[in-house]
Structure formats: structure tokens, C-alpha cells
PDB file of N, CA and C in Angstrom:
ATOM      1  N   MET A   1      -0.355  -3.662  -7.970  1.00  0.00           N
ATOM      2  CA  MET A   1      -1.321  -3.060  -8.862  1.00  0.00           C
ATOM      3  C   MET A   1      -2.460  -2.476  -8.052  1.00  0.00           C
ATOM      4  N   LEU A   2      -2.813  -1.261  -8.295  1.00  0.00           N
ATOM      5  CA  LEU A   2      -3.939  -0.626  -7.623  1.00  0.00           C
ATOM      6  C   LEU A   2      -5.185  -0.821  -8.459  1.00  0.00           C
ATOM      7  N   PHE A   3      -6.306  -0.956  -7.803  1.00  0.00           N
ATOM      8  CA  PHE A   3      -7.569  -1.079  -8.514  1.00  0.00           C
ATOM      9  C   PHE A   3      -8.641  -0.388  -7.705  1.00  0.00           C
ATOM     10  N   PRO A   4      -9.743   0.041  -8.355  1.00  0.00           N
ATOM     11  CA  PRO A   4     -10.791   0.747  -7.624  1.00  0.00           C
ATOM     12  C   PRO A   4     -11.503  -0.196  -6.663  1.00  0.00           C
ATOM     13  N   LEU A   5     -11.381   0.079  -5.374  1.00  0.00           N
ATOM     14  CA  LEU A   5     -11.991  -0.802  -4.377  1.00  0.00           C
ATOM     15  C   LEU A   5     -13.501  -0.741  -4.391  1.00  0.00           C
ATOM     16  N   GLY A   6     -14.076   0.239  -5.072  1.00  0.00           N
ATOM     17  CA  GLY A   6     -15.523   0.322  -5.183  1.00  0.00           C
ATOM     18  C   GLY A   6     -16.116  -0.909  -5.840  1.00  0.00           C
ATOM     19  N   ILE A   7     -15.355  -1.559  -6.719  1.00  0.00           N
ATOM     20  CA  ILE A   7     -15.880  -2.755  -7.368  1.00  0.00           C
ATOM     21  C   ILE A   7     -16.027  -3.904  -6.382  1.00  0.00           C
ATOM     22  N   LEU A   8     -15.374  -3.803  -5.236  1.00  0.00           N
ATOM     23  CA  LEU A   8     -15.506  -4.817  -4.185  1.00  0.00           C
ATOM     24  C   LEU A   8     -16.556  -4.429  -3.151  1.00  0.00           C
ATOM     25  N   GLY A   9     -17.199  -3.305  -3.358  1.00  0.00           N
ATOM     26  CA  GLY A   9     -18.183  -2.834  -2.392  1.00  0.00           C
ATOM     27  C   GLY A   9     -17.569  -2.048  -1.250  1.00  0.00           C
ATOM     28  N   LEU A  10     -16.300  -1.677  -1.361  1.00  0.00           N
ATOM     29  CA  LEU A  10     -15.621  -0.939  -0.300  1.00  0.00           C
ATOM     30  C   LEU A  10     -15.514   0.535  -0.671  1.00  0.00           C
ATOM     31  N   ILE A  11     -16.632   1.188  -0.776  1.00  0.00           N
ATOM     32  CA  ILE A  11     -16.658   2.609  -1.117  1.00  0.00           C
ATOM     33  C   ILE A  11     -16.114   3.412   0.069  1.00  0.00           C
ATOM     34  N   GLY A  12     -15.268   4.379  -0.202  1.00  0.00           N
ATOM     35  CA  GLY A  12     -14.722   5.230   0.856  1.00  0.00           C
ATOM     36  C   GLY A  12     -13.489   4.653   1.523  1.00  0.00           C
ATOM     37  N   VAL A  13     -12.906   3.614   0.942  1.00  0.00           N
ATOM     38  CA  VAL A  13     -11.698   3.002   1.484  1.00  0.00           C
ATOM     39  C   VAL A  13     -10.514   3.476   0.663  1.00  0.00           C
ATOM     40  N   ALA A  14      -9.477   3.936   1.339  1.00  0.00           N
ATOM     41  CA  ALA A  14      -8.293   4.426   0.638  1.00  0.00           C
ATOM     42  C   ALA A  14      -7.610   3.289  -0.107  1.00  0.00           C
ATOM     43  N   GLN A  15      -7.109   3.593  -1.312  1.00  0.00           N
ATOM     44  CA  GLN A  15      -6.410   2.574  -2.082  1.00  0.00           C
ATOM     45  C   GLN A  15      -5.087   2.244  -1.418  1.00  0.00           C
ATOM     46  N   SER A  16      -4.790   0.940  -1.347  1.00  0.00           N
ATOM     47  CA  SER A  16      -3.543   0.513  -0.725  1.00  0.00           C
ATOM     48  C   SER A  16      -3.074  -0.793  -1.341  1.00  0.00           C
ATOM     49  N   GLU A  17      -1.824  -1.086  -1.098  1.00  0.00           N
ATOM     50  CA  GLU A  17      -1.227  -2.359  -1.483  1.00  0.00           C
ATOM     51  C   GLU A  17      -0.785  -3.048  -0.204  1.00  0.00           C
ATOM     52  N   HIS A  18      -1.084  -4.323  -0.091  1.00  0.00           N
ATOM     53  CA  HIS A  18      -0.700  -5.086   1.084  1.00  0.00           C
ATOM     54  C   HIS A  18       0.637  -5.774   0.842  1.00  0.00           C
ATOM     55  N   ALA A  19       1.397  -5.937   1.917  1.00  0.00           N
ATOM     56  CA  ALA A  19       2.708  -6.573   1.809  1.00  0.00           C
ATOM     57  C   ALA A  19       2.909  -7.518   2.987  1.00  0.00           C
ATOM     58  N   LYS A  20       3.513  -8.649   2.711  1.00  0.00           N
ATOM     59  CA  LYS A  20       3.924  -9.587   3.750  1.00  0.00           C
ATOM     60  C   LYS A  20       5.424  -9.760   3.575  1.00  0.00           C
ATOM     61  N   VAL A  21       6.190  -9.357   4.606  1.00  0.00           N
ATOM     62  CA  VAL A  21       7.643  -9.335   4.519  1.00  0.00           C
ATOM     63  C   VAL A  21       8.201 -10.272   5.584  1.00  0.00           C
ATOM     64  N   SER A  22       9.173 -11.098   5.200  1.00  0.00           N
ATOM     65  CA  SER A  22       9.786 -12.007   6.175  1.00  0.00           C
ATOM     66  C   SER A  22      11.245 -12.257   5.814  1.00  0.00           C
ATOM     67  N   ALA A  23      12.017 -12.642   6.824  1.00  0.00           N
ATOM     68  CA  ALA A  23      13.417 -13.011   6.655  1.00  0.00           C
ATOM     69  C   ALA A  23      13.784 -13.936   7.807  1.00  0.00           C
ATOM     70  N   ASP A  24      14.683 -14.870   7.551  1.00  0.00           N
ATOM     71  CA  ASP A  24      15.105 -15.803   8.593  1.00  0.00           C
ATOM     72  C   ASP A  24      15.611 -15.045   9.816  1.00  0.00           C
ATOM     73  N   GLY A  25      15.148 -15.455  10.992  1.00  0.00           N
ATOM     74  CA  GLY A  25      15.602 -14.846  12.236  1.00  0.00           C
ATOM     75  C   GLY A  25      14.850 -13.590  12.645  1.00  0.00           C
ATOM     76  N   PHE A  26      13.814 -13.204  11.884  1.00  0.00           N
ATOM     77  CA  PHE A  26      13.047 -12.004  12.181  1.00  0.00           C
ATOM     78  C   PHE A  26      11.561 -12.331  12.266  1.00  0.00           C
ATOM     79  N   THR A  27      10.817 -11.503  12.979  1.00  0.00           N
ATOM     80  CA  THR A  27       9.374 -11.648  13.075  1.00  0.00           C
ATOM     81  C   THR A  27       8.736 -11.198  11.763  1.00  0.00           C
ATOM     82  N   PRO A  28       7.881 -12.035  11.148  1.00  0.00           N
ATOM     83  CA  PRO A  28       7.223 -11.631   9.896  1.00  0.00           C
ATOM     84  C   PRO A  28       6.351 -10.387  10.110  1.00  0.00           C
ATOM     85  N   LEU A  29       6.217  -9.605   9.061  1.00  0.00           N
ATOM     86  CA  LEU A  29       5.433  -8.372   9.110  1.00  0.00           C
ATOM     87  C   LEU A  29       4.395  -8.395   7.995  1.00  0.00           C
ATOM     88  N   THR A  30       3.146  -8.137   8.347  1.00  0.00           N
ATOM     89  CA  THR A  30       2.085  -7.963   7.356  1.00  0.00           C
ATOM     90  C   THR A  30       1.550  -6.551   7.535  1.00  0.00           C
ATOM     91  N   THR A  31       1.534  -5.772   6.452  1.00  0.00           N
ATOM     92  CA  THR A  31       1.112  -4.378   6.529  1.00  0.00           C
ATOM     93  C   THR A  31       0.573  -3.933   5.180  1.00  0.00           C
ATOM     94  N   HIS A  32       0.333  -2.672   5.033  1.00  0.00           N
ATOM     95  CA  HIS A  32      -0.117  -2.126   3.757  1.00  0.00           C
ATOM     96  C   HIS A  32       0.459  -0.727   3.583  1.00  0.00           C
ATOM     97  N   ILE A  33       0.554  -0.314   2.322  1.00  0.00           N
ATOM     98  CA  ILE A  33       1.050   1.016   1.967  1.00  0.00           C
ATOM     99  C   ILE A  33      -0.075   1.722   1.219  1.00  0.00           C
ATOM    100  N   PHE A  34      -0.390   2.929   1.652  1.00  0.00           N
ATOM    101  CA  PHE A  34      -1.488   3.685   1.053  1.00  0.00           C
ATOM    102  C   PHE A  34      -0.986   4.628  -0.032  1.00  0.00           C
ATOM    103  N   ASP A  35      -1.773   4.777  -1.068  1.00  0.00           N
ATOM    104  CA  ASP A  35      -1.466   5.683  -2.174  1.00  0.00           C
ATOM    105  C   ASP A  35      -1.798   7.115  -1.754  1.00  0.00           C
ATOM    106  N   ARG A  36      -0.780   7.980  -1.764  1.00  0.00           N
ATOM    107  CA  ARG A  36      -0.964   9.378  -1.360  1.00  0.00           C
ATOM    108  C   ARG A  36      -2.053  10.074  -2.182  1.00  0.00           C
ATOM    109  N   ALA A  37      -2.291   9.619  -3.405  1.00  0.00           N
ATOM    110  CA  ALA A  37      -3.283  10.245  -4.285  1.00  0.00           C
ATOM    111  C   ALA A  37      -4.714   9.816  -3.975  1.00  0.00           C
ATOM    112  N   SER A  38      -4.900   8.875  -3.070  1.00  0.00           N
ATOM    113  CA  SER A  38      -6.246   8.409  -2.747  1.00  0.00           C
ATOM    114  C   SER A  38      -7.072   9.535  -2.133  1.00  0.00           C
ATOM    115  N   GLU A  39      -8.285   9.684  -2.606  1.00  0.00           N
ATOM    116  CA  GLU A  39      -9.152  10.748  -2.092  1.00  0.00           C
ATOM    117  C   GLU A  39      -9.735  10.420  -0.719  1.00  0.00           C
ATOM    118  N   TYR A  40      -9.516   9.196  -0.217  1.00  0.00           N
ATOM    119  CA  TYR A  40     -10.140   8.776   1.040  1.00  0.00           C
ATOM    120  C   TYR A  40      -9.171   8.688   2.215  1.00  0.00           C
ATOM    121  N   LEU A  41      -7.960   9.187   2.089  1.00  0.00           N
ATOM    122  CA  LEU A  41      -6.992   9.075   3.178  1.00  0.00           C
ATOM    123  C   LEU A  41      -7.486   9.714   4.478  1.00  0.00           C
ATOM    124  N   ASP A  42      -8.135  10.856   4.383  1.00  0.00           N
ATOM    125  CA  ASP A  42      -8.579  11.575   5.580  1.00  0.00           C
ATOM    126  C   ASP A  42      -9.825  10.971   6.215  1.00  0.00           C
ATOM    127  N   SER A  43     -10.547  10.147   5.475  1.00  0.00           N
ATOM    128  CA  SER A  43     -11.781   9.576   6.015  1.00  0.00           C
ATOM    129  C   SER A  43     -11.731   8.056   6.139  1.00  0.00           C
ATOM    130  N   GLU A  44     -10.570   7.465   5.907  1.00  0.00           N
ATOM    131  CA  GLU A  44     -10.400   6.011   5.971  1.00  0.00           C
ATOM    132  C   GLU A  44     -10.660   5.499   7.388  1.00  0.00           C
ATOM    133  N   THR A  45     -11.588   4.568   7.539  1.00  0.00           N
ATOM    134  CA  THR A  45     -11.893   4.019   8.859  1.00  0.00           C
ATOM    135  C   THR A  45     -11.695   2.508   8.928  1.00  0.00           C
ATOM    136  N   VAL A  46     -11.471   1.861   7.802  1.00  0.00           N
ATOM    137  CA  VAL A  46     -11.346   0.402   7.792  1.00  0.00           C
ATOM    138  C   VAL A  46      -9.944  -0.049   8.174  1.00  0.00           C
ATOM    139  N   PHE A  47      -8.907   0.519   7.550  1.00  0.00           N
ATOM    140  CA  PHE A  47      -7.545   0.042   7.755  1.00  0.00           C
ATOM    141  C   PHE A  47      -6.703   0.913   8.681  1.00  0.00           C
ATOM    142  N   GLY A  48      -7.136   2.108   9.004  1.00  0.00           N
ATOM    143  CA  GLY A  48      -6.378   2.970   9.904  1.00  0.00           C
ATOM    144  C   GLY A  48      -5.095   3.498   9.267  1.00  0.00           C
ATOM    145  N   VAL A  49      -5.210   4.536   8.484  1.00  0.00           N
ATOM    146  CA  VAL A  49      -4.059   5.110   7.775  1.00  0.00           C
ATOM    147  C   VAL A  49      -3.120   5.790   8.760  1.00  0.00           C
ATOM    148  N   LYS A  50      -1.842   5.469   8.669  1.00  0.00           N
ATOM    149  CA  LYS A  50      -0.804   6.152   9.440  1.00  0.00           C
ATOM    150  C   LYS A  50       0.078   6.899   8.456  1.00  0.00           C
ATOM    151  N   GLN A  51       0.571   8.048   8.843  1.00  0.00           N
ATOM    152  CA  GLN A  51       1.409   8.862   7.966  1.00  0.00           C
ATOM    153  C   GLN A  51       2.607   8.071   7.447  1.00  0.00           C
ATOM    154  N   SER A  52       3.175   7.211   8.282  1.00  0.00           N
ATOM    155  CA  SER A  52       4.359   6.441   7.883  1.00  0.00           C
ATOM    156  C   SER A  52       4.049   5.378   6.831  1.00  0.00           C
ATOM    157  N   LEU A  53       2.765   5.135   6.550  1.00  0.00           N
ATOM    158  CA  LEU A  53       2.362   4.126   5.569  1.00  0.00           C
ATOM    159  C   LEU A  53       1.846   4.738   4.271  1.00  0.00           C
ATOM    160  N   ILE A  54       2.048   6.043   4.088  1.00  0.00           N
ATOM    161  CA  ILE A  54       1.588   6.726   2.876  1.00  0.00           C
ATOM    162  C   ILE A  54       2.781   6.970   1.960  1.00  0.00           C
ATOM    163  N   GLU A  55       2.642   6.569   0.702  1.00  0.00           N
ATOM    164  CA  GLU A  55       3.712   6.735  -0.282  1.00  0.00           C
ATOM    165  C   GLU A  55       3.127   7.233  -1.604  1.00  0.00           C
ATOM    166  N   ASP A  56       3.994   7.736  -2.453  1.00  0.00           N
ATOM    167  CA  ASP A  56       3.605   8.128  -3.810  1.00  0.00           C
ATOM    168  C   ASP A  56       3.694   6.910  -4.720  1.00  0.00           C
ATOM    169  N   PHE A  57       2.611   6.587  -5.396  1.00  0.00           N
ATOM    170  CA  PHE A  57       2.599   5.537  -6.402  1.00  0.00           C
ATOM    171  C   PHE A  57       2.714   6.236  -7.749  1.00  0.00           C
ATOM    172  N   VAL A  58       3.750   5.921  -8.498  1.00  0.00           N
ATOM    173  CA  VAL A  58       4.009   6.602  -9.762  1.00  0.00           C
ATOM    174  C   VAL A  58       4.084   5.595 -10.903  1.00  0.00           C
ATOM    175  N   ALA A  59       3.844   6.088 -12.112  1.00  0.00           N
ATOM    176  CA  ALA A  59       3.904   5.226 -13.286  1.00  0.00           C
ATOM    177  C   ALA A  59       5.319   4.675 -13.453  1.00  0.00           C
ATOM    178  N   ASP A  60       5.398   3.390 -13.770  1.00  0.00           N
ATOM    179  CA  ASP A  60       6.683   2.720 -13.978  1.00  0.00           C
ATOM    180  C   ASP A  60       7.128   2.930 -15.421  1.00  0.00           C
ATOM    181  N   ALA A  61       8.155   3.726 -15.604  1.00  0.00           N
ATOM    182  CA  ALA A  61       8.636   4.045 -16.949  1.00  0.00           C
ATOM    183  C   ALA A  61       9.215   2.826 -17.658  1.00  0.00           C
ATOM    184  N   ASP A  62       9.649   1.816 -16.905  1.00  0.00           N
ATOM    185  CA  ASP A  62      10.254   0.622 -17.489  1.00  0.00           C
ATOM    186  C   ASP A  62       9.256  -0.502 -17.737  1.00  0.00           C
ATOM    187  N   ALA A  63       8.015  -0.325 -17.333  1.00  0.00           N
ATOM    188  CA  ALA A  63       7.020  -1.399 -17.456  1.00  0.00           C
ATOM    189  C   ALA A  63       6.531  -1.549 -18.890  1.00  0.00           C
ATOM    190  N   ASP A  64       6.283  -2.787 -19.269  1.00  0.00           N
ATOM    191  CA  ASP A  64       5.736  -3.058 -20.602  1.00  0.00           C
ATOM    192  C   ASP A  64       4.241  -2.775 -20.656  1.00  0.00           C
ATOM    193  N   ALA A  65       3.552  -2.945 -19.530  1.00  0.00           N
ATOM    194  CA  ALA A  65       2.095  -2.787 -19.495  1.00  0.00           C
ATOM    195  C   ALA A  65       1.708  -1.378 -19.060  1.00  0.00           C
ATOM    196  N   ASP A  66       0.646  -0.869 -19.662  1.00  0.00           N
ATOM    197  CA  ASP A  66       0.122   0.434 -19.247  1.00  0.00           C
ATOM    198  C   ASP A  66      -0.507   0.309 -17.865  1.00  0.00           C
ATOM    199  N   GLY A  67      -0.432   1.359 -17.085  1.00  0.00           N
ATOM    200  CA  GLY A  67      -1.108   1.399 -15.806  1.00  0.00           C
ATOM    201  C   GLY A  67      -0.341   0.787 -14.649  1.00  0.00           C
ATOM    202  N   VAL A  68       0.904   0.365 -14.855  1.00  0.00           N
ATOM    203  CA  VAL A  68       1.696  -0.206 -13.765  1.00  0.00           C
ATOM    204  C   VAL A  68       2.218   0.937 -12.901  1.00  0.00           C
ATOM    205  N   LEU A  69       1.948   0.853 -11.606  1.00  0.00           N
ATOM    206  CA  LEU A  69       2.410   1.856 -10.656  1.00  0.00           C
ATOM    207  C   LEU A  69       3.424   1.228  -9.714  1.00  0.00           C
ATOM    208  N   VAL A  70       4.386   2.011  -9.269  1.00  0.00           N
ATOM    209  CA  VAL A  70       5.399   1.532  -8.328  1.00  0.00           C
ATOM    210  C   VAL A  70       5.539   2.532  -7.187  1.00  0.00           C
ATOM    211  N   CYS A  71       6.053   2.040  -6.066  1.00  0.00           N
ATOM    212  CA  CYS A  71       6.404   2.922  -4.952  1.00  0.00           C
ATOM    213  C   CYS A  71       7.591   2.303  -4.235  1.00  0.00           C
ATOM    214  N   GLU A  72       8.323   3.124  -3.522  1.00  0.00           N
ATOM    215  CA  GLU A  72       9.435   2.646  -2.716  1.00  0.00           C
ATOM    216  C   GLU A  72       9.076   2.843  -1.252  1.00  0.00           C
ATOM    217  N   HIS A  73       9.381   1.812  -0.443  1.00  0.00           N
ATOM    218  CA  HIS A  73       9.105   1.895   0.989  1.00  0.00           C
ATOM    219  C   HIS A  73      10.080   0.998   1.724  1.00  0.00           C
ATOM    220  N   ASP A  74      10.658   1.486   2.808  1.00  0.00           N
ATOM    221  CA  ASP A  74      11.563   0.677   3.637  1.00  0.00           C
ATOM    222  C   ASP A  74      10.750  -0.036   4.710  1.00  0.00           C
ATOM    223  N   PHE A  75      10.902  -1.352   4.785  1.00  0.00           N
ATOM    224  CA  PHE A  75      10.275  -2.144   5.831  1.00  0.00           C
ATOM    225  C   PHE A  75      11.337  -2.510   6.853  1.00  0.00           C
ATOM    226  N   VAL A  76      10.995  -2.419   8.140  1.00  0.00           N
ATOM    227  CA  VAL A  76      11.922  -2.753   9.206  1.00  0.00           C
ATOM    228  C   VAL A  76      11.349  -3.931   9.983  1.00  0.00           C
ATOM    229  N   LEU A  77      12.134  -5.023  10.064  1.00  0.00           N
ATOM    230  CA  LEU A  77      11.708  -6.209  10.779  1.00  0.00           C
ATOM    231  C   LEU A  77      12.382  -6.250  12.145  1.00  0.00           C
ATOM    232  N   SER A  78      11.701  -6.858  13.114  1.00  0.00           N
ATOM    233  CA  SER A  78      12.268  -6.989  14.446  1.00  0.00           C
ATOM    234  C   SER A  78      12.619  -8.445  14.718  1.00  0.00           C
ATOM    235  N   ARG A  79      13.522  -8.645  15.649  1.00  0.00           N
ATOM    236  CA  ARG A  79      13.875 -10.002  16.053  1.00  0.00           C
ATOM    237  C   ARG A  79      12.925 -10.449  17.165  1.00  0.00           C
ATOM    238  N   PRO A  80      12.596 -11.752  17.172  1.00  0.00           N
ATOM    239  CA  PRO A  80      11.655 -12.241  18.211  1.00  0.00           C
ATOM    240  C   PRO A  80      12.241 -12.125  19.613  1.00  0.00           C
TER     241      PRO A  80
END
């Protein structure tokens, strides 16, 4: 779920969702995915936006609740 980060006092920070991904036998990964529609992608200085971490967040047609956004992203884990 995306929410306006301004309510947290983080004005000028691009909207993102954080993810922690793990699987047996692989090094855990903690990262974030940025919303392509965020107006702060070009000026983001807190999290360091990379092109490979930008995705389209779109309305979920199957969701029961209004305002649910989804995105697809492939995560690649490495072995220790």
C-alpha cells in the first residue's frame, strides 16, 4: 500500500514499497521498489533511486478495497 510520505515528515521522498525476500540456501535481500508516478524520482536523495527499482503501480482490478495498488517485480537472490 502506498501512502503520502509527507505525513511522516519526509517531504520530497519518492513513494516506494519495501520488500524483504528470502529463501533457504540464499542470501536474504532487503530492498524497495519505487512508484514510477512519484513526482520525486529525479530529486530523491534519501533512498537512492535506481532505474532497475522503478515499477508501475496500478489499480488492482480484483481487489475488494478501493485504492489498492499492485506492481510486478522479479527479485534475484544470490547464494552465500
